[in-house]
Amino acid sequence: ESGGGLVQAGGSLRLSCAASGRTFSKSA
């Protein structure tokens, strides 16, 4: 995971989760 941080109320953040080692193309 990445993208976390400190933000003021009303603000925005975008979290990312990069998977490696296999694909999850038919999963969830």
PDB file of all heavy atoms in Angstrom:
ATOM      1  N   GLU A   1       0.834  -1.203   0.000  1.00  0.00           N
ATOM      2  CA  GLU A   1       0.000   0.000   0.000  1.00  0.00           C
ATOM      3  C   GLU A   1       0.872   1.258   0.000  1.00  0.00           C
ATOM      4  O   GLU A   1       1.988   1.251   0.526  1.00  0.00           O
ATOM      5  CB  GLU A   1      -0.904   0.055   1.234  1.00  0.00           C
ATOM      6  CG  GLU A   1      -1.833  -1.127   1.410  1.00  0.00           C
ATOM      7  CD  GLU A   1      -1.313  -2.108   2.428  1.00  0.00           C
ATOM      8  OE1 GLU A   1      -0.071  -2.188   2.608  1.00  0.00           O
ATOM      9  OE2 GLU A   1      -2.128  -2.813   3.057  1.00  0.00           O
ATOM     10  N   SER A   2       0.324   2.316  -0.550  1.00  0.00           N
ATOM     11  CA  SER A   2       0.986   3.617  -0.517  1.00  0.00           C
ATOM     12  C   SER A   2      -0.070   4.703  -0.629  1.00  0.00           C
ATOM     13  O   SER A   2      -1.230   4.417  -0.959  1.00  0.00           O
ATOM     14  CB  SER A   2       2.008   3.757  -1.644  1.00  0.00           C
ATOM     15  OG  SER A   2       1.371   3.641  -2.904  1.00  0.00           O
ATOM     16  N   GLY A   3       0.341   5.935  -0.346  1.00  0.00           N
ATOM     17  CA  GLY A   3      -0.557   7.065  -0.530  1.00  0.00           C
ATOM     18  C   GLY A   3      -1.145   7.650   0.741  1.00  0.00           C
ATOM     19  O   GLY A   3      -1.844   8.660   0.701  1.00  0.00           O
ATOM     20  N   GLY A   4      -0.885   7.007   1.863  1.00  0.00           N
ATOM     21  CA  GLY A   4      -1.400   7.552   3.114  1.00  0.00           C
ATOM     22  C   GLY A   4      -0.669   8.820   3.505  1.00  0.00           C
ATOM     23  O   GLY A   4       0.314   9.213   2.889  1.00  0.00           O
ATOM     24  N   GLY A   5      -1.187   9.474   4.549  1.00  0.00           N
ATOM     25  CA  GLY A   5      -0.551  10.697   5.012  1.00  0.00           C
ATOM     26  C   GLY A   5      -1.444  11.480   5.936  1.00  0.00           C
ATOM     27  O   GLY A   5      -2.474  10.977   6.404  1.00  0.00           O
ATOM     28  N   LEU A   6      -1.032  12.709   6.189  1.00  0.00           N
ATOM     29  CA  LEU A   6      -1.781  13.627   7.049  1.00  0.00           C
ATOM     30  C   LEU A   6      -2.498  14.637   6.173  1.00  0.00           C
ATOM     31  O   LEU A   6      -1.880  15.258   5.294  1.00  0.00           O
ATOM     32  CB  LEU A   6      -0.821  14.338   7.996  1.00  0.00           C
ATOM     33  CG  LEU A   6      -1.396  15.456   8.869  1.00  0.00           C
ATOM     34  CD1 LEU A   6      -2.444  14.900   9.818  1.00  0.00           C
ATOM     35  CD2 LEU A   6      -0.273  16.150   9.634  1.00  0.00           C
ATOM     36  N   VAL A   7      -3.786  14.821   6.418  1.00  0.00           N
ATOM     37  CA  VAL A   7      -4.577  15.739   5.613  1.00  0.00           C
ATOM     38  C   VAL A   7      -5.601  16.415   6.519  1.00  0.00           C
ATOM     39  O   VAL A   7      -6.017  15.841   7.533  1.00  0.00           O
ATOM     40  CB  VAL A   7      -5.273  14.985   4.453  1.00  0.00           C
ATOM     41  CG1 VAL A   7      -6.273  13.982   4.971  1.00  0.00           C
ATOM     42  CG2 VAL A   7      -5.909  15.940   3.468  1.00  0.00           C
ATOM     43  N   GLN A   8      -5.983  17.618   6.168  1.00  0.00           N
ATOM     44  CA  GLN A   8      -7.014  18.317   6.937  1.00  0.00           C
ATOM     45  C   GLN A   8      -8.397  17.796   6.567  1.00  0.00           C
ATOM     46  O   GLN A   8      -8.607  17.280   5.462  1.00  0.00           O
ATOM     47  CB  GLN A   8      -6.938  19.818   6.650  1.00  0.00           C
ATOM     48  CG  GLN A   8      -5.744  20.507   7.276  1.00  0.00           C
ATOM     49  CD  GLN A   8      -5.808  22.010   7.150  1.00  0.00           C
ATOM     50  OE1 GLN A   8      -6.378  22.539   6.199  1.00  0.00           O
ATOM     51  NE2 GLN A   8      -5.231  22.728   8.110  1.00  0.00           N
ATOM     52  N   ALA A   9      -9.316  17.961   7.480  1.00  0.00           N
ATOM     53  CA  ALA A   9     -10.697  17.572   7.216  1.00  0.00           C
ATOM     54  C   ALA A   9     -11.194  18.271   5.960  1.00  0.00           C
ATOM     55  O   ALA A   9     -10.934  19.453   5.746  1.00  0.00           O
ATOM     56  CB  ALA A   9     -11.572  17.927   8.409  1.00  0.00           C
ATOM     57  N   GLY A  10     -11.899  17.500   5.134  1.00  0.00           N
ATOM     58  CA  GLY A  10     -12.372  18.008   3.858  1.00  0.00           C
ATOM     59  C   GLY A  10     -11.427  17.741   2.707  1.00  0.00           C
ATOM     60  O   GLY A  10     -11.803  17.937   1.541  1.00  0.00           O
ATOM     61  N   GLY A  11     -10.223  17.312   3.013  1.00  0.00           N
ATOM     62  CA  GLY A  11      -9.225  17.052   1.992  1.00  0.00           C
ATOM     63  C   GLY A  11      -9.374  15.681   1.357  1.00  0.00           C
ATOM     64  O   GLY A  11     -10.324  14.942   1.643  1.00  0.00           O
ATOM     65  N   SER A  12      -8.427  15.355   0.483  1.00  0.00           N
ATOM     66  CA  SER A  12      -8.468  14.106  -0.278  1.00  0.00           C
ATOM     67  C   SER A  12      -7.132  13.385  -0.225  1.00  0.00           C
ATOM     68  O   SER A  12      -6.075  14.012  -0.085  1.00  0.00           O
ATOM     69  CB  SER A  12      -8.812  14.390  -1.742  1.00  0.00           C
ATOM     70  OG  SER A  12     -10.078  14.984  -1.875  1.00  0.00           O
ATOM     71  N   LEU A  13      -7.212  12.083  -0.346  1.00  0.00           N
ATOM     72  CA  LEU A  13      -6.036  11.230  -0.507  1.00  0.00           C
ATOM     73  C   LEU A  13      -6.393  10.104  -1.463  1.00  0.00           C
ATOM     74  O   LEU A  13      -7.559   9.711  -1.556  1.00  0.00           O
ATOM     75  CB  LEU A  13      -5.593  10.626   0.829  1.00  0.00           C
ATOM     76  CG  LEU A  13      -4.862  11.521   1.833  1.00  0.00           C
ATOM     77  CD1 LEU A  13      -4.670  10.762   3.147  1.00  0.00           C
ATOM     78  CD2 LEU A  13      -3.522  11.990   1.290  1.00  0.00           C
ATOM     79  N   ARG A  14      -5.382   9.576  -2.139  1.00  0.00           N
ATOM     80  CA  ARG A  14      -5.579   8.423  -3.006  1.00  0.00           C
ATOM     81  C   ARG A  14      -4.631   7.318  -2.578  1.00  0.00           C
ATOM     82  O   ARG A  14      -3.405   7.477  -2.670  1.00  0.00           O
ATOM     83  CB  ARG A  14      -5.312   8.784  -4.463  1.00  0.00           C
ATOM     84  CG  ARG A  14      -5.668   7.692  -5.449  1.00  0.00           C
ATOM     85  CD  ARG A  14      -5.059   7.978  -6.794  1.00  0.00           C
ATOM     86  NE  ARG A  14      -5.609   7.158  -7.858  1.00  0.00           N
ATOM     87  CZ  ARG A  14      -4.961   6.876  -8.987  1.00  0.00           C
ATOM     88  NH1 ARG A  14      -3.755   7.375  -9.195  1.00  0.00           N
ATOM     89  NH2 ARG A  14      -5.528   6.143  -9.922  1.00  0.00           N
ATOM     90  N   LEU A  15      -5.199   6.230  -2.112  1.00  0.00           N
ATOM     91  CA  LEU A  15      -4.403   5.077  -1.718  1.00  0.00           C
ATOM     92  C   LEU A  15      -4.222   4.143  -2.909  1.00  0.00           C
ATOM     93  O   LEU A  15      -5.126   3.990  -3.726  1.00  0.00           O
ATOM     94  CB  LEU A  15      -5.064   4.324  -0.572  1.00  0.00           C
ATOM     95  CG  LEU A  15      -5.396   5.132   0.683  1.00  0.00           C
ATOM     96  CD1 LEU A  15      -5.966   4.187   1.761  1.00  0.00           C
ATOM     97  CD2 LEU A  15      -4.213   5.890   1.199  1.00  0.00           C
ATOM     98  N   SER A  16      -3.056   3.522  -2.971  1.00  0.00           N
ATOM     99  CA  SER A  16      -2.771   2.527  -3.997  1.00  0.00           C
ATOM    100  C   SER A  16      -2.354   1.226  -3.332  1.00  0.00           C
ATOM    101  O   SER A  16      -1.740   1.239  -2.271  1.00  0.00           O
ATOM    102  CB  SER A  16      -1.647   3.001  -4.919  1.00  0.00           C
ATOM    103  OG  SER A  16      -1.981   4.196  -5.583  1.00  0.00           O
ATOM    104  N   CYS A  17      -2.688   0.126  -3.987  1.00  0.00           N
ATOM    105  CA  CYS A  17      -2.258  -1.197  -3.522  1.00  0.00           C
ATOM    106  C   CYS A  17      -1.756  -1.964  -4.731  1.00  0.00           C
ATOM    107  O   CYS A  17      -2.547  -2.364  -5.594  1.00  0.00           O
ATOM    108  CB  CYS A  17      -3.405  -1.926  -2.857  1.00  0.00           C
ATOM    109  SG  CYS A  17      -3.021  -3.638  -2.407  1.00  0.00           S
ATOM    110  N   ALA A  18      -0.452  -2.147  -4.780  1.00  0.00           N
ATOM    111  CA  ALA A  18       0.161  -2.858  -5.894  1.00  0.00           C
ATOM    112  C   ALA A  18       0.401  -4.306  -5.508  1.00  0.00           C
ATOM    113  O   ALA A  18       1.048  -4.588  -4.493  1.00  0.00           O
ATOM    114  CB  ALA A  18       1.470  -2.188  -6.279  1.00  0.00           C
ATOM    115  N   ALA A  19      -0.112  -5.216  -6.329  1.00  0.00           N
ATOM    116  CA  ALA A  19       0.040  -6.642  -6.075  1.00  0.00           C
ATOM    117  C   ALA A  19       1.156  -7.212  -6.943  1.00  0.00           C
ATOM    118  O   ALA A  19       1.296  -6.837  -8.111  1.00  0.00           O
ATOM    119  CB  ALA A  19      -1.261  -7.369  -6.369  1.00  0.00           C
ATOM    120  N   SER A  20       1.916  -8.108  -6.372  1.00  0.00           N
ATOM    121  CA  SER A  20       2.967  -8.802  -7.122  1.00  0.00           C
ATOM    122  C   SER A  20       2.979 -10.259  -6.732  1.00  0.00           C
ATOM    123  O   SER A  20       2.466 -10.638  -5.683  1.00  0.00           O
ATOM    124  CB  SER A  20       4.329  -8.158  -6.855  1.00  0.00           C
ATOM    125  OG  SER A  20       4.661  -8.260  -5.483  1.00  0.00           O
ATOM    126  N   GLY A  21       3.550 -11.076  -7.588  1.00  0.00           N
ATOM    127  CA  GLY A  21       3.643 -12.496  -7.301  1.00  0.00           C
ATOM    128  C   GLY A  21       2.561 -13.331  -7.961  1.00  0.00           C
ATOM    129  O   GLY A  21       2.720 -14.535  -8.117  1.00  0.00           O
ATOM    130  N   ARG A  22       1.452 -12.712  -8.316  1.00  0.00           N
ATOM    131  CA  ARG A  22       0.380 -13.362  -9.060  1.00  0.00           C
ATOM    132  C   ARG A  22      -0.594 -12.278  -9.497  1.00  0.00           C
ATOM    133  O   ARG A  22      -0.568 -11.151  -8.996  1.00  0.00           O
ATOM    134  CB  ARG A  22      -0.356 -14.417  -8.241  1.00  0.00           C
ATOM    135  CG  ARG A  22      -0.994 -13.892  -6.963  1.00  0.00           C
ATOM    136  CD  ARG A  22      -2.053 -14.835  -6.414  1.00  0.00           C
ATOM    137  NE  ARG A  22      -3.287 -14.761  -7.198  1.00  0.00           N
ATOM    138  CZ  ARG A  22      -4.361 -15.465  -6.908  1.00  0.00           C
ATOM    139  NH1 ARG A  22      -4.347 -16.321  -5.891  1.00  0.00           N
ATOM    140  NH2 ARG A  22      -5.463 -15.344  -7.628  1.00  0.00           N
ATOM    141  N   THR A  23      -1.471 -12.631 -10.404  1.00  0.00           N
ATOM    142  CA  THR A  23      -2.501 -11.692 -10.813  1.00  0.00           C
ATOM    143  C   THR A  23      -3.799 -12.024 -10.085  1.00  0.00           C
ATOM    144  O   THR A  23      -4.013 -13.163  -9.638  1.00  0.00           O
ATOM    145  CB  THR A  23      -2.741 -11.733 -12.326  1.00  0.00           C
ATOM    146  OG1 THR A  23      -3.229 -13.035 -12.673  1.00  0.00           O
ATOM    147  CG2 THR A  23      -1.459 -11.450 -13.087  1.00  0.00           C
ATOM    148  N   PHE A  24      -4.652 -11.026  -9.979  1.00  0.00           N
ATOM    149  CA  PHE A  24      -5.951 -11.208  -9.349  1.00  0.00           C
ATOM    150  C   PHE A  24      -7.060 -10.885 -10.340  1.00  0.00           C
ATOM    151  O   PHE A  24      -8.111 -10.376  -9.958  1.00  0.00           O
ATOM    152  CB  PHE A  24      -6.045 -10.321  -8.104  1.00  0.00           C
ATOM    153  CG  PHE A  24      -5.071 -10.721  -7.029  1.00  0.00           C
ATOM    154  CD1 PHE A  24      -3.822 -10.149  -6.944  1.00  0.00           C
ATOM    155  CD2 PHE A  24      -5.406 -11.710  -6.116  1.00  0.00           C
ATOM    156  CE1 PHE A  24      -2.912 -10.537  -5.968  1.00  0.00           C
ATOM    157  CE2 PHE A  24      -4.519 -12.098  -5.121  1.00  0.00           C
ATOM    158  CZ  PHE A  24      -3.265 -11.515  -5.061  1.00  0.00           C
ATOM    159  N   SER A  25      -6.825 -11.230 -11.602  1.00  0.00           N
ATOM    160  CA  SER A  25      -7.722 -10.813 -12.674  1.00  0.00           C
ATOM    161  C   SER A  25      -9.106 -11.438 -12.581  1.00  0.00           C
ATOM    162  O   SER A  25     -10.037 -10.959 -13.213  1.00  0.00           O
ATOM    163  CB  SER A  25      -7.100 -11.132 -14.029  1.00  0.00           C
ATOM    164  OG  SER A  25      -6.862 -12.521 -14.137  1.00  0.00           O
ATOM    165  N   LYS A  26      -9.273 -12.524 -11.843  1.00  0.00           N
ATOM    166  CA  LYS A  26     -10.592 -13.132 -11.683  1.00  0.00           C
ATOM    167  C   LYS A  26     -11.017 -13.162 -10.228  1.00  0.00           C
ATOM    168  O   LYS A  26     -11.901 -13.920  -9.834  1.00  0.00           O
ATOM    169  CB  LYS A  26     -10.586 -14.547 -12.260  1.00  0.00           C
ATOM    170  CG  LYS A  26     -10.353 -14.594 -13.755  1.00  0.00           C
ATOM    171  CD  LYS A  26     -10.417 -16.009 -14.270  1.00  0.00           C
ATOM    172  CE  LYS A  26     -10.201 -16.059 -15.777  1.00  0.00           C
ATOM    173  NZ  LYS A  26     -10.270 -17.441 -16.299  1.00  0.00           N
ATOM    174  N   SER A  27     -10.403 -12.314  -9.441  1.00  0.00           N
ATOM    175  CA  SER A  27     -10.615 -12.363  -8.001  1.00  0.00           C
ATOM    176  C   SER A  27     -11.292 -11.085  -7.513  1.00  0.00           C
ATOM    177  O   SER A  27     -12.066 -10.460  -8.237  1.00  0.00           O
ATOM    178  CB  SER A  27      -9.266 -12.580  -7.330  1.00  0.00           C
ATOM    179  OG  SER A  27      -9.435 -12.778  -5.951  1.00  0.00           O
ATOM    180  N   ALA A  28     -10.987 -10.713  -6.291  1.00  0.00           N
ATOM    181  CA  ALA A  28     -11.552  -9.502  -5.698  1.00  0.00           C
ATOM    182  C   ALA A  28     -10.534  -8.929  -4.729  1.00  0.00           C
ATOM    183  O   ALA A  28      -9.733  -9.662  -4.142  1.00  0.00           O
ATOM    184  CB  ALA A  28     -12.855  -9.805  -4.969  1.00  0.00           C
TER     185      ALA A  28
END
